[in-house]
Amino acid sequence: MLLDIRSISLLADYFVICSGDSERQIKAIVDEVTEKTKEERARPLHIEGHPPSGWVLVDYGGVIVHVFAPAVRGYYQLEKLWSDALVVVRMQ
């Protein structure tokens, strides 16, 4: 899911929220995001969390990528917390 949070937050312009079904898949998603953005000369300002925790956050300044395990995503419910944000892309 891609949320446009520009009108409701100063934290960032966009949130990307996605899930991986295992620690290995979470790591693979984070690795792919960081590799592809590196190819575009964009490097994260900060990476927080680790796959075993069920939540990895990759901060690019204007874009923050959240990669969750399903249970952790359900617990924090960022989509609900940021429900006033414009949904740019939703994929199931």
C-alpha atoms as a PDB file:
ATOM      1  CA  MET A   1       0.000   0.000   0.000  1.00  0.00           C
ATOM      2  CA  LEU A   2       1.228   3.500  -0.829  1.00  0.00           C
ATOM      3  CA  LEU A   3      -0.176   6.324   1.290  1.00  0.00           C
ATOM      4  CA  ASP A   4       0.186  10.010   0.482  1.00  0.00           C
ATOM      5  CA  ILE A   5       0.552  11.623   3.912  1.00  0.00           C
ATOM      6  CA  ARG A   6       1.664  15.091   2.771  1.00  0.00           C
ATOM      7  CA  SER A   7      -1.551  16.794   3.825  1.00  0.00           C
ATOM      8  CA  ILE A   8      -1.638  15.256   7.319  1.00  0.00           C
ATOM      9  CA  SER A   9       1.977  14.895   8.467  1.00  0.00           C
ATOM     10  CA  LEU A  10       5.361  16.554   8.420  1.00  0.00           C
ATOM     11  CA  LEU A  11       7.123  13.198   8.929  1.00  0.00           C
ATOM     12  CA  ALA A  12       7.314  12.319   5.247  1.00  0.00           C
ATOM     13  CA  ASP A  13       5.445  12.630   1.976  1.00  0.00           C
ATOM     14  CA  TYR A  14       4.621   8.953   1.502  1.00  0.00           C
ATOM     15  CA  PHE A  15       4.397   5.721   3.454  1.00  0.00           C
ATOM     16  CA  VAL A  16       4.858   2.374   1.758  1.00  0.00           C
ATOM     17  CA  ILE A  17       3.327  -0.403   3.866  1.00  0.00           C
ATOM     18  CA  CYS A  18       3.831  -4.043   2.914  1.00  0.00           C
ATOM     19  CA  SER A  19       4.151  -7.505   4.434  1.00  0.00           C
ATOM     20  CA  GLY A  20       6.430 -10.492   4.175  1.00  0.00           C
ATOM     21  CA  ASP A  21       5.235 -13.898   5.337  1.00  0.00           C
ATOM     22  CA  SER A  22       8.569 -14.901   6.924  1.00  0.00           C
ATOM     23  CA  GLU A  23      11.772 -13.367   8.252  1.00  0.00           C
ATOM     24  CA  ARG A  24      13.490 -14.426   5.035  1.00  0.00           C
ATOM     25  CA  GLN A  25      10.823 -12.729   2.908  1.00  0.00           C
ATOM     26  CA  ILE A  26      10.954  -9.530   4.984  1.00  0.00           C
ATOM     27  CA  LYS A  27      14.732  -9.449   4.542  1.00  0.00           C
ATOM     28  CA  ALA A  28      14.388 -10.083   0.798  1.00  0.00           C
ATOM     29  CA  ILE A  29      11.902  -7.206   0.441  1.00  0.00           C
ATOM     30  CA  VAL A  30      14.138  -4.807   2.363  1.00  0.00           C
ATOM     31  CA  ASP A  31      17.206  -5.924   0.395  1.00  0.00           C
ATOM     32  CA  GLU A  32      15.403  -5.448  -2.925  1.00  0.00           C
ATOM     33  CA  VAL A  33      14.069  -2.011  -1.981  1.00  0.00           C
ATOM     34  CA  THR A  34      17.491  -0.806  -0.859  1.00  0.00           C
ATOM     35  CA  GLU A  35      19.220  -2.307  -3.914  1.00  0.00           C
ATOM     36  CA  LYS A  36      16.773  -0.803  -6.431  1.00  0.00           C
ATOM     37  CA  THR A  37      16.836   2.618  -4.796  1.00  0.00           C
ATOM     38  CA  LYS A  38      20.635   2.492  -4.646  1.00  0.00           C
ATOM     39  CA  GLU A  39      20.628   1.972  -8.433  1.00  0.00           C
ATOM     40  CA  GLU A  40      18.664   5.246  -8.626  1.00  0.00           C
ATOM     41  CA  ARG A  41      21.237   6.927  -6.358  1.00  0.00           C
ATOM     42  CA  ALA A  42      18.869   7.057  -3.399  1.00  0.00           C
ATOM     43  CA  ARG A  43      20.204   5.742  -0.130  1.00  0.00           C
ATOM     44  CA  PRO A  44      18.239   5.329   3.073  1.00  0.00           C
ATOM     45  CA  LEU A  45      18.820   7.890   5.792  1.00  0.00           C
ATOM     46  CA  HIS A  46      18.135   5.222   8.379  1.00  0.00           C
ATOM     47  CA  ILE A  47      17.057   1.603   8.680  1.00  0.00           C
ATOM     48  CA  GLU A  48      15.326   0.575  11.883  1.00  0.00           C
ATOM     49  CA  GLY A  49      14.382  -2.901  13.047  1.00  0.00           C
ATOM     50  CA  HIS A  50      15.307  -6.402  11.935  1.00  0.00           C
ATOM     51  CA  PRO A  51      13.348  -9.173  10.191  1.00  0.00           C
ATOM     52  CA  PRO A  52      13.075 -11.289  13.393  1.00  0.00           C
ATOM     53  CA  SER A  53      11.212  -8.396  15.085  1.00  0.00           C
ATOM     54  CA  GLY A  54       8.522  -8.478  12.390  1.00  0.00           C
ATOM     55  CA  TRP A  55       8.992  -4.837  11.378  1.00  0.00           C
ATOM     56  CA  VAL A  56      11.702  -3.135   9.354  1.00  0.00           C
ATOM     57  CA  LEU A  57      11.467   0.575   8.578  1.00  0.00           C
ATOM     58  CA  VAL A  58      13.531   2.084   5.767  1.00  0.00           C
ATOM     59  CA  ASP A  59      13.600   5.882   5.896  1.00  0.00           C
ATOM     60  CA  TYR A  60      14.353   7.813   2.710  1.00  0.00           C
ATOM     61  CA  GLY A  61      13.254  11.154   4.117  1.00  0.00           C
ATOM     62  CA  GLY A  62      10.253  11.860   1.905  1.00  0.00           C
ATOM     63  CA  VAL A  63       9.347   8.194   1.655  1.00  0.00           C
ATOM     64  CA  ILE A  64       9.231   5.756   4.555  1.00  0.00           C
ATOM     65  CA  VAL A  65       8.953   2.051   3.783  1.00  0.00           C
ATOM     66  CA  HIS A  66       7.433  -0.243   6.426  1.00  0.00           C
ATOM     67  CA  VAL A  67       7.896  -3.989   5.922  1.00  0.00           C
ATOM     68  CA  PHE A  68       5.883  -6.060   8.387  1.00  0.00           C
ATOM     69  CA  ALA A  69       5.209  -9.638   9.359  1.00  0.00           C
ATOM     70  CA  PRO A  70       1.412 -10.091   9.011  1.00  0.00           C
ATOM     71  CA  ALA A  71       0.772 -10.373  12.769  1.00  0.00           C
ATOM     72  CA  VAL A  72       2.800  -7.247  13.527  1.00  0.00           C
ATOM     73  CA  ARG A  73       1.090  -5.330  10.719  1.00  0.00           C
ATOM     74  CA  GLY A  74      -2.258  -6.353  12.152  1.00  0.00           C
ATOM     75  CA  TYR A  75      -1.215  -5.288  15.635  1.00  0.00           C
ATOM     76  CA  TYR A  76      -0.007  -1.793  14.694  1.00  0.00           C
ATOM     77  CA  GLN A  77      -2.649  -1.167  12.002  1.00  0.00           C
ATOM     78  CA  LEU A  78      -0.812   1.747  10.380  1.00  0.00           C
ATOM     79  CA  GLU A  79      -3.423   1.878   7.634  1.00  0.00           C
ATOM     80  CA  LYS A  80      -6.059   2.602  10.281  1.00  0.00           C
ATOM     81  CA  LEU A  81      -3.819   5.021  12.175  1.00  0.00           C
ATOM     82  CA  TRP A  82      -3.203   6.963   8.942  1.00  0.00           C
ATOM     83  CA  SER A  83      -6.744   6.513   7.603  1.00  0.00           C
ATOM     84  CA  ASP A  84      -6.963  10.203   6.655  1.00  0.00           C
ATOM     85  CA  ALA A  85      -4.141   9.700   4.149  1.00  0.00           C
ATOM     86  CA  LEU A  86      -4.835   9.403   0.446  1.00  0.00           C
ATOM     87  CA  VAL A  87      -4.403   5.805  -0.731  1.00  0.00           C
ATOM     88  CA  VAL A  88      -2.332   6.051  -3.924  1.00  0.00           C
ATOM     89  CA  VAL A  89      -1.911   2.307  -4.535  1.00  0.00           C
ATOM     90  CA  ARG A  90      -3.478  -0.672  -2.789  1.00  0.00           C
ATOM     91  CA  MET A  91      -2.455  -4.208  -3.701  1.00  0.00           C
ATOM     92  CA  GLN A  92      -3.626  -7.456  -2.156  1.00  0.00           C
END
